[in-house]
Amino acid sequence: MAIDRTSLIGRWTHSHEEDDPGKMVFRLRGWNFPPSRGRRSFQLRPDGSLQSGGPGPDDRSREASGQWRLLPGDILELDEPSGPVRFHLVEASPDKLVVRRP
């Protein structure tokens, strides 16, 4: 499946309630999430910049900037300050991303 880069633009938040073994589900901002102590999220911008966030050690949200790219084989690479993270895209619909680590 060839993913269109423009379909990835937006703020994606981890919907851990929808995960299954080996796969993670992300939903676009505005999804009706149940209460949670914190969720990983990332905003993919058209210029290749990235804003990622998630709970810190004290459960307060932490934000970081970086870059992102779509690599051959439908690999989404997020260059975060802590190092690169790669996800293999399994599904990309208008409101849902399903990924697994390659």
PDB file of N, CA and C in Angstrom:
ATOM      1  N   MET A   1       0.853  -1.166   0.000  1.00  0.00           N
ATOM      2  CA  MET A   1       0.000   0.000   0.000  1.00  0.00           C
ATOM      3  C   MET A   1       0.900   1.230   0.000  1.00  0.00           C
ATOM      4  N   ALA A   2       0.703   2.137  -0.923  1.00  0.00           N
ATOM      5  CA  ALA A   2       1.469   3.383  -0.976  1.00  0.00           C
ATOM      6  C   ALA A   2       0.662   4.475  -0.276  1.00  0.00           C
ATOM      7  N   ILE A   3       1.232   5.018   0.780  1.00  0.00           N
ATOM      8  CA  ILE A   3       0.570   6.060   1.565  1.00  0.00           C
ATOM      9  C   ILE A   3       0.859   7.419   0.933  1.00  0.00           C
ATOM     10  N   ASP A   4      -0.166   8.242   0.803  1.00  0.00           N
ATOM     11  CA  ASP A   4      -0.016   9.610   0.328  1.00  0.00           C
ATOM     12  C   ASP A   4       0.448  10.473   1.505  1.00  0.00           C
ATOM     13  N   ARG A   5       1.587  11.132   1.335  1.00  0.00           N
ATOM     14  CA  ARG A   5       2.182  11.937   2.396  1.00  0.00           C
ATOM     15  C   ARG A   5       1.196  12.975   2.946  1.00  0.00           C
ATOM     16  N   THR A   6       0.400  13.582   2.080  1.00  0.00           N
ATOM     17  CA  THR A   6      -0.522  14.631   2.535  1.00  0.00           C
ATOM     18  C   THR A   6      -1.616  14.090   3.452  1.00  0.00           C
ATOM     19  N   SER A   7      -1.911  12.799   3.366  1.00  0.00           N
ATOM     20  CA  SER A   7      -2.936  12.221   4.246  1.00  0.00           C
ATOM     21  C   SER A   7      -2.458  12.100   5.690  1.00  0.00           C
ATOM     22  N   LEU A   8      -1.173  12.310   5.916  1.00  0.00           N
ATOM     23  CA  LEU A   8      -0.606  12.191   7.258  1.00  0.00           C
ATOM     24  C   LEU A   8      -0.583  13.512   8.020  1.00  0.00           C
ATOM     25  N   ILE A   9      -0.841  14.612   7.335  1.00  0.00           N
ATOM     26  CA  ILE A   9      -0.771  15.929   7.956  1.00  0.00           C
ATOM     27  C   ILE A   9      -1.865  16.053   9.023  1.00  0.00           C
ATOM     28  N   GLY A  10      -1.472  16.506  10.207  1.00  0.00           N
ATOM     29  CA  GLY A  10      -2.431  16.711  11.288  1.00  0.00           C
ATOM     30  C   GLY A  10      -1.856  16.322  12.628  1.00  0.00           C
ATOM     31  N   ARG A  11      -2.657  16.492  13.667  1.00  0.00           N
ATOM     32  CA  ARG A  11      -2.263  16.143  15.041  1.00  0.00           C
ATOM     33  C   ARG A  11      -2.861  14.786  15.370  1.00  0.00           C
ATOM     34  N   TRP A  12      -2.003  13.777  15.551  1.00  0.00           N
ATOM     35  CA  TRP A  12      -2.413  12.397  15.817  1.00  0.00           C
ATOM     36  C   TRP A  12      -2.157  12.055  17.279  1.00  0.00           C
ATOM     37  N   THR A  13      -3.149  11.434  17.915  1.00  0.00           N
ATOM     38  CA  THR A  13      -3.066  11.082  19.337  1.00  0.00           C
ATOM     39  C   THR A  13      -3.282   9.587  19.498  1.00  0.00           C
ATOM     40  N   HIS A  14      -2.467   8.974  20.347  1.00  0.00           N
ATOM     41  CA  HIS A  14      -2.526   7.529  20.578  1.00  0.00           C
ATOM     42  C   HIS A  14      -3.845   7.152  21.239  1.00  0.00           C
ATOM     43  N   SER A  15      -4.563   6.259  20.604  1.00  0.00           N
ATOM     44  CA  SER A  15      -5.824   5.732  21.129  1.00  0.00           C
ATOM     45  C   SER A  15      -5.559   4.316  21.637  1.00  0.00           C
ATOM     46  N   HIS A  16      -4.885   4.218  22.782  1.00  0.00           N
ATOM     47  CA  HIS A  16      -4.416   2.913  23.272  1.00  0.00           C
ATOM     48  C   HIS A  16      -5.546   1.924  23.511  1.00  0.00           C
ATOM     49  N   GLU A  17      -6.763   2.426  23.676  1.00  0.00           N
ATOM     50  CA  GLU A  17      -7.907   1.523  23.857  1.00  0.00           C
ATOM     51  C   GLU A  17      -8.170   0.687  22.599  1.00  0.00           C
ATOM     52  N   GLU A  18      -7.731   1.165  21.450  1.00  0.00           N
ATOM     53  CA  GLU A  18      -7.959   0.472  20.187  1.00  0.00           C
ATOM     54  C   GLU A  18      -6.765  -0.380  19.740  1.00  0.00           C
ATOM     55  N   ASP A  19      -5.667  -0.346  20.476  1.00  0.00           N
ATOM     56  CA  ASP A  19      -4.487  -1.135  20.120  1.00  0.00           C
ATOM     57  C   ASP A  19      -4.793  -2.622  20.164  1.00  0.00           C
ATOM     58  N   ASP A  20      -4.032  -3.373  19.405  1.00  0.00           N
ATOM     59  CA  ASP A  20      -4.024  -4.828  19.562  1.00  0.00           C
ATOM     60  C   ASP A  20      -2.570  -5.267  19.481  1.00  0.00           C
ATOM     61  N   PRO A  21      -2.270  -6.519  19.765  1.00  0.00           N
ATOM     62  CA  PRO A  21      -0.863  -6.938  19.828  1.00  0.00           C
ATOM     63  C   PRO A  21      -0.084  -6.544  18.571  1.00  0.00           C
ATOM     64  N   GLY A  22       0.988  -5.787  18.787  1.00  0.00           N
ATOM     65  CA  GLY A  22       1.874  -5.388  17.698  1.00  0.00           C
ATOM     66  C   GLY A  22       1.435  -4.169  16.917  1.00  0.00           C
ATOM     67  N   LYS A  23       0.264  -3.637  17.197  1.00  0.00           N
ATOM     68  CA  LYS A  23      -0.245  -2.482  16.459  1.00  0.00           C
ATOM     69  C   LYS A  23      -0.682  -1.377  17.415  1.00  0.00           C
ATOM     70  N   MET A  24      -0.443  -0.136  16.978  1.00  0.00           N
ATOM     71  CA  MET A  24      -0.872   1.038  17.727  1.00  0.00           C
ATOM     72  C   MET A  24      -1.820   1.833  16.845  1.00  0.00           C
ATOM     73  N   VAL A  25      -2.845   2.414  17.458  1.00  0.00           N
ATOM     74  CA  VAL A  25      -3.830   3.213  16.735  1.00  0.00           C
ATOM     75  C   VAL A  25      -3.711   4.669  17.186  1.00  0.00           C
ATOM     76  N   PHE A  26      -3.694   5.574  16.205  1.00  0.00           N
ATOM     77  CA  PHE A  26      -3.680   7.008  16.450  1.00  0.00           C
ATOM     78  C   PHE A  26      -4.910   7.614  15.784  1.00  0.00           C
ATOM     79  N   ARG A  27      -5.499   8.605  16.447  1.00  0.00           N
ATOM     80  CA  ARG A  27      -6.674   9.300  15.926  1.00  0.00           C
ATOM     81  C   ARG A  27      -6.362  10.789  15.798  1.00  0.00           C
ATOM     82  N   LEU A  28      -7.056  11.439  14.851  1.00  0.00           N
ATOM     83  CA  LEU A  28      -6.887  12.875  14.669  1.00  0.00           C
ATOM     84  C   LEU A  28      -7.458  13.646  15.846  1.00  0.00           C
ATOM     85  N   ARG A  29      -6.881  14.829  16.057  1.00  0.00           N
ATOM     86  CA  ARG A  29      -7.374  15.726  17.109  1.00  0.00           C
ATOM     87  C   ARG A  29      -8.883  15.899  16.950  1.00  0.00           C
ATOM     88  N   GLY A  30      -9.580  15.926  18.047  1.00  0.00           N
ATOM     89  CA  GLY A  30     -11.024  16.065  18.020  1.00  0.00           C
ATOM     90  C   GLY A  30     -11.754  14.752  18.278  1.00  0.00           C
ATOM     91  N   TRP A  31     -11.022  13.632  18.232  1.00  0.00           N
ATOM     92  CA  TRP A  31     -11.632  12.336  18.531  1.00  0.00           C
ATOM     93  C   TRP A  31     -12.106  12.342  19.974  1.00  0.00           C
ATOM     94  N   ASN A  32     -13.197  11.688  20.256  1.00  0.00           N
ATOM     95  CA  ASN A  32     -13.762  11.648  21.604  1.00  0.00           C
ATOM     96  C   ASN A  32     -13.086  10.545  22.418  1.00  0.00           C
ATOM     97  N   PHE A  33     -11.954  10.884  23.046  1.00  0.00           N
ATOM     98  CA  PHE A  33     -11.199   9.922  23.846  1.00  0.00           C
ATOM     99  C   PHE A  33     -11.782   9.800  25.243  1.00  0.00           C
ATOM    100  N   PRO A  34     -11.762   8.594  25.817  1.00  0.00           N
ATOM    101  CA  PRO A  34     -12.123   8.481  27.235  1.00  0.00           C
ATOM    102  C   PRO A  34     -11.007   9.074  28.093  1.00  0.00           C
ATOM    103  N   PRO A  35     -11.277   9.325  29.359  1.00  0.00           N
ATOM    104  CA  PRO A  35     -10.236   9.878  30.240  1.00  0.00           C
ATOM    105  C   PRO A  35      -8.991   8.990  30.265  1.00  0.00           C
ATOM    106  N   SER A  36      -7.838   9.648  30.385  1.00  0.00           N
ATOM    107  CA  SER A  36      -6.556   8.936  30.418  1.00  0.00           C
ATOM    108  C   SER A  36      -5.557   9.776  31.200  1.00  0.00           C
ATOM    109  N   ARG A  37      -4.550   9.137  31.753  1.00  0.00           N
ATOM    110  CA  ARG A  37      -3.518   9.859  32.506  1.00  0.00           C
ATOM    111  C   ARG A  37      -2.515  10.531  31.588  1.00  0.00           C
ATOM    112  N   GLY A  38      -2.626  10.320  30.313  1.00  0.00           N
ATOM    113  CA  GLY A  38      -1.720  10.945  29.353  1.00  0.00           C
ATOM    114  C   GLY A  38      -1.677  10.135  28.074  1.00  0.00           C
ATOM    115  N   ARG A  39      -1.472  10.814  26.972  1.00  0.00           N
ATOM    116  CA  ARG A  39      -1.433  10.151  25.673  1.00  0.00           C
ATOM    117  C   ARG A  39      -0.291  10.712  24.848  1.00  0.00           C
ATOM    118  N   ARG A  40       0.379   9.832  24.129  1.00  0.00           N
ATOM    119  CA  ARG A  40       1.407  10.234  23.173  1.00  0.00           C
ATOM    120  C   ARG A  40       0.707  10.856  21.977  1.00  0.00           C
ATOM    121  N   SER A  41       1.273  11.924  21.441  1.00  0.00           N
ATOM    122  CA  SER A  41       0.709  12.550  20.253  1.00  0.00           C
ATOM    123  C   SER A  41       1.828  13.140  19.417  1.00  0.00           C
ATOM    124  N   PHE A  42       1.532  13.384  18.157  1.00  0.00           N
ATOM    125  CA  PHE A  42       2.472  14.075  17.285  1.00  0.00           C
ATOM    126  C   PHE A  42       1.698  14.824  16.216  1.00  0.00           C
ATOM    127  N   GLN A  43       2.209  16.013  15.908  1.00  0.00           N
ATOM    128  CA  GLN A  43       1.626  16.824  14.851  1.00  0.00           C
ATOM    129  C   GLN A  43       2.592  16.816  13.685  1.00  0.00           C
ATOM    130  N   LEU A  44       2.116  16.355  12.547  1.00  0.00           N
ATOM    131  CA  LEU A  44       2.908  16.314  11.323  1.00  0.00           C
ATOM    132  C   LEU A  44       2.496  17.510  10.468  1.00  0.00           C
ATOM    133  N   ARG A  45       3.453  18.372  10.179  1.00  0.00           N
ATOM    134  CA  ARG A  45       3.159  19.579   9.406  1.00  0.00           C
ATOM    135  C   ARG A  45       3.619  19.399   7.960  1.00  0.00           C
ATOM    136  N   PRO A  46       2.998  20.128   7.025  1.00  0.00           N
ATOM    137  CA  PRO A  46       3.342  19.979   5.606  1.00  0.00           C
ATOM    138  C   PRO A  46       4.811  20.263   5.283  1.00  0.00           C
ATOM    139  N   ASP A  47       5.473  21.131   6.071  1.00  0.00           N
ATOM    140  CA  ASP A  47       6.868  21.477   5.798  1.00  0.00           C
ATOM    141  C   ASP A  47       7.859  20.449   6.339  1.00  0.00           C
ATOM    142  N   GLY A  48       7.361  19.344   6.904  1.00  0.00           N
ATOM    143  CA  GLY A  48       8.234  18.306   7.448  1.00  0.00           C
ATOM    144  C   GLY A  48       8.589  18.501   8.906  1.00  0.00           C
ATOM    145  N   SER A  49       8.075  19.568   9.523  1.00  0.00           N
ATOM    146  CA  SER A  49       8.356  19.760  10.946  1.00  0.00           C
ATOM    147  C   SER A  49       7.376  18.926  11.772  1.00  0.00           C
ATOM    148  N   LEU A  50       7.783  18.682  12.994  1.00  0.00           N
ATOM    149  CA  LEU A  50       7.074  17.782  13.898  1.00  0.00           C
ATOM    150  C   LEU A  50       6.980  18.419  15.270  1.00  0.00           C
ATOM    151  N   GLN A  51       5.833  18.305  15.888  1.00  0.00           N
ATOM    152  CA  GLN A  51       5.657  18.664  17.294  1.00  0.00           C
ATOM    153  C   GLN A  51       5.139  17.405  17.971  1.00  0.00           C
ATOM    154  N   SER A  52       5.901  16.837  18.889  1.00  0.00           N
ATOM    155  CA  SER A  52       5.465  15.618  19.561  1.00  0.00           C
ATOM    156  C   SER A  52       5.233  15.905  21.032  1.00  0.00           C
ATOM    157  N   GLY A  53       4.356  15.120  21.625  1.00  0.00           N
ATOM    158  CA  GLY A  53       4.036  15.322  23.024  1.00  0.00           C
ATOM    159  C   GLY A  53       3.677  14.017  23.697  1.00  0.00           C
ATOM    160  N   GLY A  54       3.711  14.057  24.984  1.00  0.00           N
ATOM    161  CA  GLY A  54       3.350  12.891  25.773  1.00  0.00           C
ATOM    162  C   GLY A  54       3.516  13.196  27.234  1.00  0.00           C
ATOM    163  N   PRO A  55       3.072  12.280  28.075  1.00  0.00           N
ATOM    164  CA  PRO A  55       3.184  12.508  29.513  1.00  0.00           C
ATOM    165  C   PRO A  55       4.634  12.427  29.976  1.00  0.00           C
ATOM    166  N   GLY A  56       4.998  13.346  30.851  1.00  0.00           N
ATOM    167  CA  GLY A  56       6.319  13.321  31.454  1.00  0.00           C
ATOM    168  C   GLY A  56       6.308  12.455  32.706  1.00  0.00           C
ATOM    169  N   PRO A  57       7.421  12.426  33.421  1.00  0.00           N
ATOM    170  CA  PRO A  57       7.512  11.579  34.613  1.00  0.00           C
ATOM    171  C   PRO A  57       6.516  11.951  35.709  1.00  0.00           C
ATOM    172  N   ASP A  58       6.042  13.202  35.694  1.00  0.00           N
ATOM    173  CA  ASP A  58       5.065  13.634  36.699  1.00  0.00           C
ATOM    174  C   ASP A  58       3.660  13.739  36.099  1.00  0.00           C
ATOM    175  N   ASP A  59       3.427  13.087  34.953  1.00  0.00           N
ATOM    176  CA  ASP A  59       2.142  13.039  34.240  1.00  0.00           C
ATOM    177  C   ASP A  59       1.759  14.346  33.557  1.00  0.00           C
ATOM    178  N   ARG A  60       2.567  15.401  33.711  1.00  0.00           N
ATOM    179  CA  ARG A  60       2.287  16.625  32.960  1.00  0.00           C
ATOM    180  C   ARG A  60       2.778  16.432  31.532  1.00  0.00           C
ATOM    181  N   SER A  61       2.063  17.022  30.596  1.00  0.00           N
ATOM    182  CA  SER A  61       2.405  16.883  29.187  1.00  0.00           C
ATOM    183  C   SER A  61       3.725  17.589  28.873  1.00  0.00           C
ATOM    184  N   ARG A  62       4.525  16.959  28.032  1.00  0.00           N
ATOM    185  CA  ARG A  62       5.792  17.534  27.576  1.00  0.00           C
ATOM    186  C   ARG A  62       5.766  17.584  26.057  1.00  0.00           C
ATOM    187  N   GLU A  63       6.260  18.675  25.497  1.00  0.00           N
ATOM    188  CA  GLU A  63       6.291  18.877  24.053  1.00  0.00           C
ATOM    189  C   GLU A  63       7.741  18.962  23.577  1.00  0.00           C
ATOM    190  N   ALA A  64       7.972  18.495  22.346  1.00  0.00           N
ATOM    191  CA  ALA A  64       9.292  18.577  21.727  1.00  0.00           C
ATOM    192  C   ALA A  64       9.118  18.798  20.231  1.00  0.00           C
ATOM    193  N   SER A  65      10.080  19.455  19.627  1.00  0.00           N
ATOM    194  CA  SER A  65      10.058  19.711  18.190  1.00  0.00           C
ATOM    195  C   SER A  65      11.024  18.783  17.480  1.00  0.00           C
ATOM    196  N   GLY A  66      10.761  18.551  16.212  1.00  0.00           N
ATOM    197  CA  GLY A  66      11.638  17.709  15.409  1.00  0.00           C
ATOM    198  C   GLY A  66      11.218  17.765  13.951  1.00  0.00           C
ATOM    199  N   GLN A  67      11.577  16.734  13.225  1.00  0.00           N
ATOM    200  CA  GLN A  67      11.257  16.605  11.807  1.00  0.00           C
ATOM    201  C   GLN A  67      10.630  15.240  11.573  1.00  0.00           C
ATOM    202  N   TRP A  68       9.892  15.118  10.461  1.00  0.00           N
ATOM    203  CA  TRP A  68       9.322  13.823  10.096  1.00  0.00           C
ATOM    204  C   TRP A  68       9.490  13.623   8.597  1.00  0.00           C
ATOM    205  N   ARG A  69       9.444  12.345   8.196  1.00  0.00           N
ATOM    206  CA  ARG A  69       9.517  12.005   6.774  1.00  0.00           C
ATOM    207  C   ARG A  69       8.828  10.680   6.545  1.00  0.00           C
ATOM    208  N   LEU A  70       8.375  10.496   5.321  1.00  0.00           N
ATOM    209  CA  LEU A  70       7.789   9.231   4.899  1.00  0.00           C
ATOM    210  C   LEU A  70       8.824   8.530   4.034  1.00  0.00           C
ATOM    211  N   LEU A  71       9.301   7.395   4.495  1.00  0.00           N
ATOM    212  CA  LEU A  71      10.340   6.635   3.804  1.00  0.00           C
ATOM    213  C   LEU A  71       9.721   5.560   2.920  1.00  0.00           C
ATOM    214  N   PRO A  72      10.480   5.050   1.949  1.00  0.00           N
ATOM    215  CA  PRO A  72       9.969   3.947   1.127  1.00  0.00           C
ATOM    216  C   PRO A  72       9.510   2.783   2.002  1.00  0.00           C
ATOM    217  N   GLY A  73       8.484   2.085   1.533  1.00  0.00           N
ATOM    218  CA  GLY A  73       7.937   0.972   2.302  1.00  0.00           C
ATOM    219  C   GLY A  73       6.917   1.412   3.331  1.00  0.00           C
ATOM    220  N   ASP A  74       6.407   2.655   3.189  1.00  0.00           N
ATOM    221  CA  ASP A  74       5.411   3.198   4.124  1.00  0.00           C
ATOM    222  C   ASP A  74       5.929   3.234   5.558  1.00  0.00           C
ATOM    223  N   ILE A  75       7.165   3.694   5.714  1.00  0.00           N
ATOM    224  CA  ILE A  75       7.769   3.865   7.033  1.00  0.00           C
ATOM    225  C   ILE A  75       7.685   5.342   7.411  1.00  0.00           C
ATOM    226  N   LEU A  76       7.037   5.631   8.524  1.00  0.00           N
ATOM    227  CA  LEU A  76       6.958   6.986   9.060  1.00  0.00           C
ATOM    228  C   LEU A  76       8.090   7.144  10.064  1.00  0.00           C
ATOM    229  N   GLU A  77       9.008   8.090   9.784  1.00  0.00           N
ATOM    230  CA  GLU A  77      10.127   8.328  10.682  1.00  0.00           C
ATOM    231  C   GLU A  77       9.941   9.674  11.366  1.00  0.00           C
ATOM    232  N   LEU A  78       9.989   9.652  12.682  1.00  0.00           N
ATOM    233  CA  LEU A  78       9.887  10.856  13.508  1.00  0.00           C
ATOM    234  C   LEU A  78      11.249  11.106  14.131  1.00  0.00           C
ATOM    235  N   ASP A  79      11.883  12.225  13.781  1.00  0.00           N
ATOM    236  CA  ASP A  79      13.165  12.596  14.391  1.00  0.00           C
ATOM    237  C   ASP A  79      12.868  13.464  15.604  1.00  0.00           C
ATOM    238  N   GLU A  80      12.887  12.833  16.758  1.00  0.00           N
ATOM    239  CA  GLU A  80      12.606  13.516  18.011  1.00  0.00           C
ATOM    240  C   GLU A  80      13.919  13.768  18.747  1.00  0.00           C
ATOM    241  N   PRO A  81      13.946  14.695  19.706  1.00  0.00           N
ATOM    242  CA  PRO A  81      15.186  14.964  20.441  1.00  0.00           C
ATOM    243  C   PRO A  81      15.783  13.718  21.097  1.00  0.00           C
ATOM    244  N   SER A  82      14.957  12.770  21.494  1.00  0.00           N
ATOM    245  CA  SER A  82      15.468  11.557  22.132  1.00  0.00           C
ATOM    246  C   SER A  82      15.988  10.534  21.118  1.00  0.00           C
ATOM    247  N   GLY A  83      15.815  10.825  19.837  1.00  0.00           N
ATOM    248  CA  GLY A  83      16.287   9.921  18.790  1.00  0.00           C
ATOM    249  C   GLY A  83      15.164   9.588  17.823  1.00  0.00           C
ATOM    250  N   PRO A  84      15.522   8.984  16.693  1.00  0.00           N
ATOM    251  CA  PRO A  84      14.503   8.674  15.690  1.00  0.00           C
ATOM    252  C   PRO A  84      13.594   7.523  16.124  1.00  0.00           C
ATOM    253  N   VAL A  85      12.325   7.647  15.753  1.00  0.00           N
ATOM    254  CA  VAL A  85      11.327   6.605  15.989  1.00  0.00           C
ATOM    255  C   VAL A  85      10.747   6.263  14.627  1.00  0.00           C
ATOM    256  N   ARG A  86      10.668   4.979  14.320  1.00  0.00           N
ATOM    257  CA  ARG A  86      10.112   4.544  13.039  1.00  0.00           C
ATOM    258  C   ARG A  86       8.890   3.666  13.258  1.00  0.00           C
ATOM    259  N   PHE A  87       7.849   3.973  12.489  1.00  0.00           N
ATOM    260  CA  PHE A  87       6.620   3.195  12.497  1.00  0.00           C
ATOM    261  C   PHE A  87       6.346   2.699  11.085  1.00  0.00           C
ATOM    262  N   HIS A  88       5.928   1.458  10.951  1.00  0.00           N
ATOM    263  CA  HIS A  88       5.458   0.946   9.667  1.00  0.00           C
ATOM    264  C   HIS A  88       3.961   1.237   9.600  1.00  0.00           C
ATOM    265  N   LEU A  89       3.535   1.990   8.583  1.00  0.00           N
ATOM    266  CA  LEU A  89       2.126   2.345   8.439  1.00  0.00           C
ATOM    267  C   LEU A  89       1.349   1.161   7.891  1.00  0.00           C
ATOM    268  N   VAL A  90       0.356   0.727   8.624  1.00  0.00           N
ATOM    269  CA  VAL A  90      -0.509  -0.381   8.233  1.00  0.00           C
ATOM    270  C   VAL A  90      -1.782   0.154   7.589  1.00  0.00           C
ATOM    271  N   GLU A  91      -2.302   1.257   8.135  1.00  0.00           N
ATOM    272  CA  GLU A  91      -3.534   1.868   7.631  1.00  0.00           C
ATOM    273  C   GLU A  91      -3.452   3.371   7.822  1.00  0.00           C
ATOM    274  N   ALA A  92      -3.895   4.114   6.831  1.00  0.00           N
ATOM    275  CA  ALA A  92      -3.985   5.570   6.939  1.00  0.00           C
ATOM    276  C   ALA A  92      -5.298   6.006   6.314  1.00  0.00           C
ATOM    277  N   SER A  93      -6.267   6.303   7.164  1.00  0.00           N
ATOM    278  CA  SER A  93      -7.559   6.788   6.691  1.00  0.00           C
ATOM    279  C   SER A  93      -7.694   8.241   7.160  1.00  0.00           C
ATOM    280  N   PRO A  94      -8.761   8.937   6.751  1.00  0.00           N
ATOM    281  CA  PRO A  94      -8.878  10.354   7.127  1.00  0.00           C
ATOM    282  C   PRO A  94      -8.869  10.642   8.626  1.00  0.00           C
ATOM    283  N   ASP A  95      -9.250   9.676   9.466  1.00  0.00           N
ATOM    284  CA  ASP A  95      -9.269   9.943  10.909  1.00  0.00           C
ATOM    285  C   ASP A  95      -8.534   8.893  11.734  1.00  0.00           C
ATOM    286  N   LYS A  96      -7.796   7.990  11.089  1.00  0.00           N
ATOM    287  CA  LYS A  96      -7.163   6.893  11.827  1.00  0.00           C
ATOM    288  C   LYS A  96      -5.852   6.472  11.179  1.00  0.00           C
ATOM    289  N   LEU A  97      -4.811   6.333  12.016  1.00  0.00           N
ATOM    290  CA  LEU A  97      -3.539   5.752  11.605  1.00  0.00           C
ATOM    291  C   LEU A  97      -3.323   4.488  12.422  1.00  0.00           C
ATOM    292  N   VAL A  98      -2.968   3.416  11.740  1.00  0.00           N
ATOM    293  CA  VAL A  98      -2.605   2.179  12.427  1.00  0.00           C
ATOM    294  C   VAL A  98      -1.152   1.906  12.053  1.00  0.00           C
ATOM    295  N   VAL A  99      -0.305   1.713  13.066  1.00  0.00           N
ATOM    296  CA  VAL A  99       1.129   1.535  12.825  1.00  0.00           C
ATOM    297  C   VAL A  99       1.648   0.335  13.618  1.00  0.00           C
ATOM    298  N   ARG A 100       2.768  -0.187  13.135  1.00  0.00           N
ATOM    299  CA  ARG A 100       3.543  -1.151  13.918  1.00  0.00           C
ATOM    300  C   ARG A 100       4.989  -0.789  13.751  1.00  0.00           C
ATOM    301  N   ARG A 101       5.783  -1.136  14.693  1.00  0.00           N
ATOM    302  CA  ARG A 101       7.211  -0.857  14.583  1.00  0.00           C
ATOM    303  C   ARG A 101       7.813  -1.850  13.588  1.00  0.00           C
ATOM    304  N   PRO A 102       8.676  -1.329  12.682  1.00  0.00           N
ATOM    305  CA  PRO A 102       9.265  -2.256  11.686  1.00  0.00           C
ATOM    306  C   PRO A 102      10.241  -3.235  12.301  1.00  0.00           C
TER     307      PRO A 102
END
